[in-house]
Amino acid sequence: MSTQVTLVGRLGGDPELRFTAQGKPVASFSMAVQERKMENGQWVDGDTSWYRISAWNRLAENVNESLSRGDLVVLTGRQKVREYEKDGQRRTSVDVTVDAIGPSLQFATAKPVKVEYGSGGGSQPAATSAPHPDDPPF
C-alpha cells in the first residue's frame, strides 16, 4: 500500500537514468527534506529525512534533463516504506514514485520549455505539441 505525499527538498545527487529490459526509462535519485524550526528567535536546521525517488517514462527523461544535485524541488508522489536486512541489521527505506515534480521557485526562477516526443524516444523543444497518449487527462 502506498501513501500520497508532497515533499519539498534538495536532490542529494544527479538523477541516474536507466532503462528496464522492456525499454521503459526510469530516473532515480535521493532527496533530502530538512526540517526548519525557530529557536531563540532564529531559524535553525532540524532533522533531515532522506527519500529514494524514482520517476518513470517521459517524466524520467525530463527529470534527467532538467534537474541536478542540490536543486530545490517540489514533488508529489506515492510513498512506500520497505523494510529489509543488510549485514544482519534490519533497515528501513522510504521510496517515492513521482507523479509530478518541478523546481521550487522560492529561491530560483524557471522557464518551462514544452518538448515534443518523436518515435525515436528522444525529445526536442517544440513551440507546439500534440498530446501524447501517456499525458495525464488535464
Protein backbone atom coordinates (compact mmCIF):
# COMPACT_ATOMS: atom_id res chain seq x y z
CA MET A 1 0.00 0.00 0.00
CA SER A 2 1.27 3.46 -0.81
CA THR A 3 0.51 6.88 0.63
CA GLN A 4 0.21 10.11 -1.39
CA VAL A 5 2.85 12.64 -0.28
CA THR A 6 4.10 16.11 -1.17
CA LEU A 7 7.78 16.80 -0.48
CA VAL A 8 9.95 19.91 -0.72
CA GLY A 9 13.66 19.25 -0.59
CA ARG A 10 17.01 19.08 -2.38
CA LEU A 11 18.36 16.44 -4.71
CA GLY A 12 21.14 14.53 -3.00
CA GLY A 13 22.72 13.63 -6.33
CA ASP A 14 22.22 13.93 -10.06
CA PRO A 15 19.36 11.79 -11.39
CA GLU A 16 20.54 8.46 -12.82
CA LEU A 17 18.65 7.49 -15.97
CA ARG A 18 18.37 3.77 -16.74
CA PHE A 19 16.12 1.64 -18.92
CA THR A 20 14.22 -1.51 -17.95
CA ALA A 21 14.53 -4.69 -20.01
CA GLN A 22 11.29 -3.58 -21.72
CA GLY A 23 12.88 -0.22 -22.65
CA LYS A 24 11.00 1.95 -20.14
CA PRO A 25 13.08 4.86 -18.79
CA VAL A 26 13.43 5.31 -15.03
CA ALA A 27 15.30 8.14 -13.30
CA SER A 28 16.43 7.58 -9.70
CA PHE A 29 17.88 9.98 -7.15
CA SER A 30 17.97 10.66 -3.43
CA MET A 31 16.22 13.64 -1.88
CA ALA A 32 16.85 15.36 1.44
CA VAL A 33 13.96 17.04 3.23
CA GLN A 34 15.17 19.18 6.10
CA GLU A 35 13.00 20.46 8.90
CA ARG A 36 13.40 24.16 9.74
CA LYS A 37 12.46 25.36 13.20
CA MET A 38 12.58 28.55 15.23
CA GLU A 39 14.92 28.56 18.23
CA ASN A 40 15.67 31.67 20.27
CA GLY A 41 14.23 33.90 17.57
CA GLN A 42 16.34 32.37 14.76
CA TRP A 43 15.63 29.74 12.13
CA VAL A 44 17.84 26.67 12.51
CA ASP A 45 18.13 23.42 10.60
CA GLY A 46 16.41 20.46 12.19
CA ASP A 47 16.45 16.78 11.32
CA THR A 48 16.97 15.64 7.73
CA SER A 49 14.90 12.82 6.24
CA TRP A 50 16.20 11.02 3.15
CA TYR A 51 13.99 9.55 0.45
CA ARG A 52 14.77 7.33 -2.54
CA ILE A 53 12.93 8.81 -5.53
CA SER A 54 12.05 7.26 -8.89
CA ALA A 55 10.36 8.79 -11.92
CA TRP A 56 9.19 6.76 -14.89
CA ASN A 57 8.65 7.11 -18.66
CA ARG A 58 8.68 10.62 -20.15
CA LEU A 59 8.82 12.16 -16.68
CA ALA A 60 12.09 10.26 -16.07
CA GLU A 61 13.64 11.74 -19.22
CA ASN A 62 12.51 15.26 -18.29
CA VAL A 63 13.84 14.89 -14.73
CA ASN A 64 17.19 13.69 -16.06
CA GLU A 65 17.39 16.60 -18.49
CA SER A 66 16.19 19.32 -16.10
CA LEU A 67 17.36 18.62 -12.54
CA SER A 68 20.71 18.14 -10.83
CA ARG A 69 22.32 17.68 -7.42
CA GLY A 70 21.36 20.41 -4.94
CA ASP A 71 18.27 21.63 -6.83
CA LEU A 72 15.35 22.54 -4.57
CA VAL A 73 12.23 20.76 -5.87
CA VAL A 74 8.58 20.23 -5.03
CA LEU A 75 7.14 16.82 -5.81
CA THR A 76 4.04 14.77 -5.31
CA GLY A 77 4.08 11.03 -5.44
CA ARG A 78 3.29 7.71 -3.84
CA GLN A 79 5.35 6.78 -0.79
CA LYS A 80 6.14 3.20 0.11
CA VAL A 81 8.08 2.13 3.22
CA ARG A 82 10.19 -1.01 2.80
CA GLU A 83 11.99 -2.99 5.44
CA TYR A 84 14.98 -5.15 4.56
CA GLU A 85 18.01 -6.76 6.12
CA LYS A 86 21.61 -5.85 5.29
CA ASP A 87 24.68 -7.24 7.03
CA GLY A 88 22.44 -8.79 9.66
CA GLN A 89 20.82 -5.45 10.53
CA ARG A 90 17.19 -4.57 9.92
CA ARG A 91 16.83 -1.38 7.88
CA THR A 92 14.03 0.81 6.56
CA SER A 93 13.87 2.64 3.24
CA VAL A 94 11.30 5.25 2.23
CA ASP A 95 10.73 5.14 -1.53
CA VAL A 96 8.64 7.61 -3.51
CA THR A 97 7.40 7.14 -7.06
CA VAL A 98 6.94 10.61 -8.58
CA ASP A 99 3.63 11.71 -10.09
CA ALA A 100 4.71 15.36 -10.63
CA ILE A 101 7.92 17.29 -9.91
CA GLY A 102 9.35 20.71 -10.60
CA PRO A 103 11.87 23.23 -9.35
CA SER A 104 10.86 25.28 -6.32
CA LEU A 105 10.61 28.96 -7.21
CA GLN A 106 11.34 30.05 -3.65
CA PHE A 107 14.99 30.84 -4.43
CA ALA A 108 15.15 30.43 -8.23
CA THR A 109 13.32 31.10 -11.48
CA ALA A 110 12.43 28.65 -14.22
CA LYS A 111 11.26 28.87 -17.81
CA PRO A 112 9.42 25.70 -18.84
CA VAL A 113 10.02 24.51 -22.38
CA LYS A 114 7.45 22.20 -23.96
CA VAL A 115 9.09 19.17 -25.54
CA GLU A 116 7.87 17.10 -28.45
CA TYR A 117 8.44 13.37 -28.35
CA GLY A 118 9.11 11.58 -31.59
CA SER A 119 9.13 7.93 -32.49
CA GLY A 120 12.86 7.75 -31.71
CA GLY A 121 12.17 8.08 -27.98
CA GLY A 122 14.17 11.30 -27.67
CA SER A 123 12.85 14.76 -27.04
CA GLN A 124 13.38 18.12 -28.65
CA PRO A 125 11.98 21.59 -27.88
CA ALA A 126 8.86 22.49 -29.81
CA ALA A 127 6.65 25.55 -29.99
CA THR A 128 3.53 23.39 -30.08
CA SER A 129 2.93 19.74 -29.45
CA ALA A 130 0.01 17.38 -29.79
CA PRO A 131 -0.97 15.48 -26.63
CA HIS A 132 0.88 12.23 -26.12
CA PRO A 133 -1.00 9.05 -25.10
CA ASP A 134 0.98 9.00 -21.81
CA ASP A 135 -0.08 12.56 -20.91
CA PRO A 136 -2.47 12.90 -17.95
CA PRO A 137 -6.04 13.97 -18.83
CA PHE A 138 -5.72 17.55 -17.51
